[in-house]
Each structure stands twice: as structure tokens, then as C-alpha cells.
Amino acid sequence: MKNRLAKKDFFNRCKLSAAQKVFAFTTGFSAFAVQAFATEPTLTFNFDPAEMFSWTNVMLSALMPVLYITLGISLAFIIINALKYAFR
């Protein structure tokens, strides 16, 4: 029994329906076929780490006021609850 289960293919082990098997096969095949027949790269990434970190700095700087306001509100709730429980 154990040997027979080991010989099953991936689709049967995942218990996929016939439509799911066809979809998985066609999408996987088409993803590899595009690169095989393309004359030039179809998708290129211009990845610049310095630019990525500069945008991260801009986003964090823009969100710091939101963080300060949220922390202020939560600190106010902590102080109010502490004062309520102190005078019970």
C-alpha cells in the first residue's frame, strides 16, 4: 500500500479535479513556452536598491505622524484607565 501511494503522480496526491489538472498543466506549459519562443525578453525589471530605499524613506517619513497620533491616543487610554482604577 505504501509503495503504491508513493508511485502516484502529483495531481492525484493533491486530489485535484480534471479541470484543475488541465488548468495547472496548460498554465505551467505556457509559462515555460513563452520563454522558449521569445526573440527578446518580454519582462525586464529595472531594480535599483538605492531608489527602493529612498522610496521606503519617503513612505516612512510620511507615515510617522499617523504613528505618533495612534501612539498618543493609546497612551491617553492607558492613562485614563489607570486613573479610573486608581480612584475606585
C-alpha atoms as a PDB file:
ATOM      1  CA  MET A   1       0.000   0.000   0.000  1.00  0.00           C
ATOM      2  CA  LYS A   2       2.751   2.409   0.920  1.00  0.00           C
ATOM      3  CA  ASN A   3       4.667   1.664  -2.286  1.00  0.00           C
ATOM      4  CA  ARG A   4       1.562   2.217  -4.391  1.00  0.00           C
ATOM      5  CA  LEU A   5       0.927   5.621  -2.791  1.00  0.00           C
ATOM      6  CA  ALA A   6       4.490   6.670  -3.457  1.00  0.00           C
ATOM      7  CA  LYS A   7       4.064   5.986  -7.177  1.00  0.00           C
ATOM      8  CA  LYS A   8       1.040   8.253  -7.608  1.00  0.00           C
ATOM      9  CA  ASP A   9       1.696  11.394  -9.540  1.00  0.00           C
ATOM     10  CA  PHE A  10       1.485  14.877  -8.068  1.00  0.00           C
ATOM     11  CA  PHE A  11      -2.025  15.640  -9.315  1.00  0.00           C
ATOM     12  CA  ASN A  12      -3.514  12.530  -7.750  1.00  0.00           C
ATOM     13  CA  ARG A  13      -1.756  13.125  -4.438  1.00  0.00           C
ATOM     14  CA  CYS A  14      -3.198  16.648  -4.304  1.00  0.00           C
ATOM     15  CA  LYS A  15      -6.681  15.322  -5.175  1.00  0.00           C
ATOM     16  CA  LEU A  16      -7.315  17.817  -7.955  1.00  0.00           C
ATOM     17  CA  SER A  17     -10.283  17.589 -10.291  1.00  0.00           C
ATOM     18  CA  ALA A  18      -9.845  17.037 -14.021  1.00  0.00           C
ATOM     19  CA  ALA A  19     -10.446  20.716 -14.790  1.00  0.00           C
ATOM     20  CA  GLN A  20      -7.878  21.762 -12.208  1.00  0.00           C
ATOM     21  CA  LYS A  21      -5.354  19.323 -13.683  1.00  0.00           C
ATOM     22  CA  VAL A  22      -5.879  20.720 -17.191  1.00  0.00           C
ATOM     23  CA  PHE A  23      -5.628  24.297 -15.955  1.00  0.00           C
ATOM     24  CA  ALA A  24      -2.437  23.601 -13.990  1.00  0.00           C
ATOM     25  CA  PHE A  25      -0.860  21.796 -16.928  1.00  0.00           C
ATOM     26  CA  THR A  26      -1.717  24.472 -19.512  1.00  0.00           C
ATOM     27  CA  THR A  27      -0.631  27.398 -17.355  1.00  0.00           C
ATOM     28  CA  GLY A  28       2.606  25.683 -16.407  1.00  0.00           C
ATOM     29  CA  PHE A  29       3.325  24.731 -20.005  1.00  0.00           C
ATOM     30  CA  SER A  30       2.500  28.180 -21.382  1.00  0.00           C
ATOM     31  CA  ALA A  31       4.721  29.883 -18.791  1.00  0.00           C
ATOM     32  CA  PHE A  32       7.711  27.883 -19.974  1.00  0.00           C
ATOM     33  CA  ALA A  33       6.778  28.013 -23.662  1.00  0.00           C
ATOM     34  CA  VAL A  34       6.800  31.817 -23.778  1.00  0.00           C
ATOM     35  CA  GLN A  35      10.457  31.987 -22.854  1.00  0.00           C
ATOM     36  CA  ALA A  36      11.394  29.242 -25.284  1.00  0.00           C
ATOM     37  CA  PHE A  37       9.954  31.022 -28.348  1.00  0.00           C
ATOM     38  CA  ALA A  38      10.528  34.672 -27.433  1.00  0.00           C
ATOM     39  CA  THR A  39      13.107  36.529 -29.510  1.00  0.00           C
ATOM     40  CA  GLU A  40      13.706  39.178 -26.869  1.00  0.00           C
ATOM     41  CA  PRO A  41      12.948  39.370 -23.155  1.00  0.00           C
ATOM     42  CA  THR A  42       9.278  40.038 -22.566  1.00  0.00           C
ATOM     43  CA  LEU A  43       9.578  41.219 -18.958  1.00  0.00           C
ATOM     44  CA  THR A  44      12.544  43.092 -17.538  1.00  0.00           C
ATOM     45  CA  PHE A  45      12.976  44.515 -14.077  1.00  0.00           C
ATOM     46  CA  ASN A  46      14.996  47.659 -13.591  1.00  0.00           C
ATOM     47  CA  PHE A  47      15.843  47.053  -9.951  1.00  0.00           C
ATOM     48  CA  ASP A  48      17.794  49.798  -8.227  1.00  0.00           C
ATOM     49  CA  PRO A  49      18.272  49.162  -4.484  1.00  0.00           C
ATOM     50  CA  ALA A  50      19.206  52.782  -3.783  1.00  0.00           C
ATOM     51  CA  GLU A  51      15.946  54.002  -5.295  1.00  0.00           C
ATOM     52  CA  MET A  52      13.997  51.360  -3.403  1.00  0.00           C
ATOM     53  CA  PHE A  53      15.410  52.541  -0.065  1.00  0.00           C
ATOM     54  CA  SER A  54      14.822  56.188  -0.924  1.00  0.00           C
ATOM     55  CA  TRP A  55      11.131  55.432  -1.582  1.00  0.00           C
ATOM     56  CA  THR A  56      10.988  53.478   1.680  1.00  0.00           C
ATOM     57  CA  ASN A  57      12.369  56.504   3.499  1.00  0.00           C
ATOM     58  CA  VAL A  58       9.765  58.757   1.886  1.00  0.00           C
ATOM     59  CA  MET A  59       6.912  56.422   2.828  1.00  0.00           C
ATOM     60  CA  LEU A  60       8.098  56.021   6.417  1.00  0.00           C
ATOM     61  CA  SER A  61       8.536  59.765   6.801  1.00  0.00           C
ATOM     62  CA  ALA A  62       5.008  60.344   5.518  1.00  0.00           C
ATOM     63  CA  LEU A  63       3.513  57.781   7.917  1.00  0.00           C
ATOM     64  CA  MET A  64       5.294  58.924  11.087  1.00  0.00           C
ATOM     65  CA  PRO A  65       2.547  61.461  12.020  1.00  0.00           C
ATOM     66  CA  VAL A  66      -0.023  58.670  11.817  1.00  0.00           C
ATOM     67  CA  LEU A  67       2.120  56.578  14.143  1.00  0.00           C
ATOM     68  CA  TYR A  68       2.544  59.453  16.614  1.00  0.00           C
ATOM     69  CA  ILE A  69      -1.204  60.166  16.686  1.00  0.00           C
ATOM     70  CA  THR A  70      -2.024  56.484  17.205  1.00  0.00           C
ATOM     71  CA  LEU A  71       0.519  56.156  19.997  1.00  0.00           C
ATOM     72  CA  GLY A  72      -0.777  59.335  21.634  1.00  0.00           C
ATOM     73  CA  ILE A  73      -4.365  58.090  21.602  1.00  0.00           C
ATOM     74  CA  SER A  74      -3.402  54.699  23.019  1.00  0.00           C
ATOM     75  CA  LEU A  75      -1.257  56.343  25.721  1.00  0.00           C
ATOM     76  CA  ALA A  76      -4.208  58.567  26.654  1.00  0.00           C
ATOM     77  CA  PHE A  77      -6.434  55.494  27.049  1.00  0.00           C
ATOM     78  CA  ILE A  78      -3.821  53.827  29.262  1.00  0.00           C
ATOM     79  CA  ILE A  79      -3.548  56.915  31.478  1.00  0.00           C
ATOM     80  CA  ILE A  80      -7.338  57.372  31.716  1.00  0.00           C
ATOM     81  CA  ASN A  81      -7.847  53.707  32.642  1.00  0.00           C
ATOM     82  CA  ALA A  82      -5.058  53.901  35.227  1.00  0.00           C
ATOM     83  CA  LEU A  83      -6.668  56.963  36.815  1.00  0.00           C
ATOM     84  CA  LYS A  84     -10.108  55.306  36.814  1.00  0.00           C
ATOM     85  CA  TYR A  85      -8.762  52.202  38.533  1.00  0.00           C
ATOM     86  CA  ALA A  86      -6.699  54.251  40.979  1.00  0.00           C
ATOM     87  CA  PHE A  87      -9.737  56.007  42.460  1.00  0.00           C
ATOM     88  CA  ARG A  88     -12.124  53.060  42.708  1.00  0.00           C
END
